[in-house]
Amino acid sequence: MVSDLDILRVAHLMMHEFGGDAELEAANCIDRMRGQGDRDALLTWARIQRTIAILDLTTTRTGLPN
């Protein structure tokens, strides 16, 4: 099980690297894991995608930079 802190770190790094496309990139990773049948990785990427969505809402509402 990946820690919440690690999920937050990956989400933040993806937002920094992919900007507004970070959530879409996480969804692409979910699709790749689905194709490989790796359920644990799929669930991890789903957590990352959800965290990106939450962080995106937070930064949009507060105007904070990524």
N, C-alpha and C. Protein backbone atom coordinates (compact mmCIF):
# COMPACT_ATOMS: atom_id res chain seq x y z
N MET A 1 0.84 -1.18 0.00
CA MET A 1 0.00 0.00 0.00
C MET A 1 0.89 1.25 0.00
N VAL A 2 0.59 2.13 -0.91
CA VAL A 2 1.35 3.37 -1.03
C VAL A 2 0.79 4.37 -0.02
N SER A 3 1.69 5.07 0.68
CA SER A 3 1.25 6.01 1.71
C SER A 3 0.55 7.22 1.10
N ASP A 4 -0.28 7.87 1.90
CA ASP A 4 -0.96 9.08 1.47
C ASP A 4 0.04 10.17 1.09
N LEU A 5 1.13 10.24 1.83
CA LEU A 5 2.16 11.24 1.54
C LEU A 5 2.79 11.00 0.17
N ASP A 6 3.06 9.75 -0.15
CA ASP A 6 3.61 9.43 -1.48
C ASP A 6 2.62 9.77 -2.59
N ILE A 7 1.35 9.50 -2.36
CA ILE A 7 0.31 9.85 -3.34
C ILE A 7 0.30 11.37 -3.56
N LEU A 8 0.35 12.11 -2.48
CA LEU A 8 0.36 13.57 -2.57
C LEU A 8 1.60 14.07 -3.32
N ARG A 9 2.73 13.47 -3.06
CA ARG A 9 3.97 13.86 -3.75
C ARG A 9 3.87 13.62 -5.25
N VAL A 10 3.39 12.44 -5.63
CA VAL A 10 3.27 12.12 -7.06
C VAL A 10 2.26 13.06 -7.72
N ALA A 11 1.13 13.30 -7.06
CA ALA A 11 0.12 14.20 -7.62
C ALA A 11 0.71 15.59 -7.84
N HIS A 12 1.45 16.07 -6.88
CA HIS A 12 2.06 17.40 -6.99
C HIS A 12 3.08 17.43 -8.13
N LEU A 13 3.90 16.40 -8.23
CA LEU A 13 4.88 16.34 -9.31
C LEU A 13 4.21 16.27 -10.67
N MET A 14 3.13 15.51 -10.77
CA MET A 14 2.42 15.43 -12.04
C MET A 14 1.79 16.77 -12.41
N MET A 15 1.25 17.47 -11.44
CA MET A 15 0.68 18.79 -11.72
C MET A 15 1.75 19.76 -12.17
N HIS A 16 2.92 19.64 -11.59
CA HIS A 16 4.04 20.49 -11.99
C HIS A 16 4.49 20.16 -13.42
N GLU A 17 4.56 18.88 -13.74
CA GLU A 17 5.05 18.46 -15.05
C GLU A 17 4.01 18.61 -16.16
N PHE A 18 2.76 18.24 -15.89
CA PHE A 18 1.73 18.21 -16.92
C PHE A 18 0.73 19.36 -16.84
N GLY A 19 0.81 20.15 -15.79
CA GLY A 19 -0.11 21.29 -15.65
C GLY A 19 -1.55 20.84 -15.65
N GLY A 20 -2.37 21.50 -16.48
CA GLY A 20 -3.79 21.20 -16.55
C GLY A 20 -4.12 19.82 -17.10
N ASP A 21 -3.13 19.15 -17.67
CA ASP A 21 -3.35 17.80 -18.22
C ASP A 21 -2.96 16.69 -17.24
N ALA A 22 -2.64 17.05 -16.01
CA ALA A 22 -2.17 16.05 -15.04
C ALA A 22 -3.24 15.00 -14.75
N GLU A 23 -4.47 15.44 -14.59
CA GLU A 23 -5.54 14.48 -14.29
C GLU A 23 -5.76 13.53 -15.48
N LEU A 24 -5.68 14.06 -16.68
CA LEU A 24 -5.81 13.23 -17.88
C LEU A 24 -4.66 12.24 -17.98
N GLU A 25 -3.46 12.67 -17.66
CA GLU A 25 -2.30 11.77 -17.70
C GLU A 25 -2.46 10.64 -16.68
N ALA A 26 -2.98 10.97 -15.50
CA ALA A 26 -3.24 9.93 -14.49
C ALA A 26 -4.29 8.95 -15.01
N ALA A 27 -5.30 9.46 -15.72
CA ALA A 27 -6.32 8.58 -16.30
C ALA A 27 -5.70 7.66 -17.35
N ASN A 28 -4.75 8.17 -18.12
CA ASN A 28 -4.04 7.33 -19.09
C ASN A 28 -3.27 6.21 -18.38
N CYS A 29 -2.68 6.53 -17.25
CA CYS A 29 -1.96 5.51 -16.48
C CYS A 29 -2.93 4.45 -15.95
N ILE A 30 -4.11 4.88 -15.54
CA ILE A 30 -5.13 3.94 -15.08
C ILE A 30 -5.50 2.99 -16.22
N ASP A 31 -5.69 3.54 -17.42
CA ASP A 31 -6.02 2.70 -18.58
C ASP A 31 -4.92 1.69 -18.88
N ARG A 32 -3.66 2.13 -18.78
CA ARG A 32 -2.55 1.20 -19.03
C ARG A 32 -2.53 0.08 -18.00
N MET A 33 -2.79 0.41 -16.74
CA MET A 33 -2.79 -0.62 -15.69
C MET A 33 -3.97 -1.57 -15.88
N ARG A 34 -5.10 -1.04 -16.34
CA ARG A 34 -6.26 -1.89 -16.61
C ARG A 34 -5.91 -2.89 -17.70
N GLY A 35 -5.21 -2.43 -18.73
CA GLY A 35 -4.81 -3.30 -19.82
C GLY A 35 -3.82 -4.37 -19.39
N GLN A 36 -3.02 -4.07 -18.36
CA GLN A 36 -2.04 -5.04 -17.88
C GLN A 36 -2.61 -5.94 -16.78
N GLY A 37 -3.78 -5.60 -16.30
CA GLY A 37 -4.40 -6.42 -15.25
C GLY A 37 -3.79 -6.21 -13.88
N ASP A 38 -3.10 -5.08 -13.67
CA ASP A 38 -2.45 -4.80 -12.39
C ASP A 38 -3.41 -3.98 -11.51
N ARG A 39 -4.21 -4.67 -10.73
CA ARG A 39 -5.24 -4.02 -9.93
C ARG A 39 -4.66 -3.07 -8.88
N ASP A 40 -3.58 -3.46 -8.21
CA ASP A 40 -2.99 -2.60 -7.18
C ASP A 40 -2.48 -1.29 -7.78
N ALA A 41 -1.80 -1.38 -8.93
CA ALA A 41 -1.31 -0.17 -9.59
C ALA A 41 -2.47 0.68 -10.08
N LEU A 42 -3.51 0.04 -10.58
CA LEU A 42 -4.70 0.76 -11.03
C LEU A 42 -5.31 1.56 -9.88
N LEU A 43 -5.45 0.93 -8.73
CA LEU A 43 -6.01 1.62 -7.57
C LEU A 43 -5.10 2.75 -7.09
N THR A 44 -3.81 2.55 -7.17
CA THR A 44 -2.86 3.61 -6.79
C THR A 44 -3.01 4.81 -7.71
N TRP A 45 -3.08 4.56 -9.02
CA TRP A 45 -3.25 5.66 -9.98
C TRP A 45 -4.60 6.34 -9.81
N ALA A 46 -5.62 5.59 -9.42
CA ALA A 46 -6.92 6.20 -9.15
C ALA A 46 -6.83 7.15 -7.95
N ARG A 47 -6.08 6.77 -6.95
CA ARG A 47 -5.87 7.64 -5.79
C ARG A 47 -5.12 8.90 -6.21
N ILE A 48 -4.13 8.73 -7.07
CA ILE A 48 -3.36 9.88 -7.56
C ILE A 48 -4.26 10.81 -8.36
N GLN A 49 -5.08 10.24 -9.24
CA GLN A 49 -5.98 11.06 -10.05
C GLN A 49 -6.96 11.84 -9.16
N ARG A 50 -7.51 11.18 -8.17
CA ARG A 50 -8.45 11.84 -7.25
C ARG A 50 -7.75 12.97 -6.49
N THR A 51 -6.52 12.74 -6.08
CA THR A 51 -5.76 13.76 -5.36
C THR A 51 -5.47 14.95 -6.25
N ILE A 52 -5.13 14.69 -7.51
CA ILE A 52 -4.89 15.78 -8.46
C ILE A 52 -6.16 16.62 -8.60
N ALA A 53 -7.31 15.96 -8.73
CA ALA A 53 -8.57 16.68 -8.87
C ALA A 53 -8.84 17.56 -7.65
N ILE A 54 -8.58 17.04 -6.47
CA ILE A 54 -8.80 17.81 -5.24
C ILE A 54 -7.82 18.97 -5.17
N LEU A 55 -6.55 18.72 -5.46
CA LEU A 55 -5.56 19.79 -5.44
C LEU A 55 -5.88 20.86 -6.47
N ASP A 56 -6.36 20.43 -7.63
CA ASP A 56 -6.71 21.38 -8.68
C ASP A 56 -7.86 22.28 -8.23
N LEU A 57 -8.86 21.72 -7.57
CA LEU A 57 -9.96 22.52 -7.04
C LEU A 57 -9.45 23.50 -5.99
N THR A 58 -8.56 23.03 -5.13
CA THR A 58 -8.03 23.87 -4.07
C THR A 58 -7.24 25.04 -4.63
N THR A 59 -6.37 24.76 -5.60
CA THR A 59 -5.54 25.83 -6.17
C THR A 59 -6.37 26.78 -7.01
N THR A 60 -7.42 26.28 -7.66
CA THR A 60 -8.28 27.13 -8.47
C THR A 60 -9.06 28.09 -7.59
N ARG A 61 -9.57 27.59 -6.49
CA ARG A 61 -10.37 28.43 -5.59
C ARG A 61 -9.52 29.44 -4.84
N THR A 62 -8.31 29.07 -4.46
CA THR A 62 -7.48 29.97 -3.65
C THR A 62 -6.52 30.80 -4.48
N GLY A 63 -6.32 30.40 -5.74
CA GLY A 63 -5.39 31.12 -6.58
C GLY A 63 -3.93 30.82 -6.28
N LEU A 64 -3.68 29.74 -5.53
CA LEU A 64 -2.31 29.37 -5.20
C LEU A 64 -1.64 28.73 -6.41
N PRO A 65 -0.33 28.96 -6.58
CA PRO A 65 0.38 28.31 -7.68
C PRO A 65 0.57 26.83 -7.39
N ASN A 66 0.75 26.04 -8.47
CA ASN A 66 1.01 24.60 -8.31
C ASN A 66 2.33 24.48 -7.66
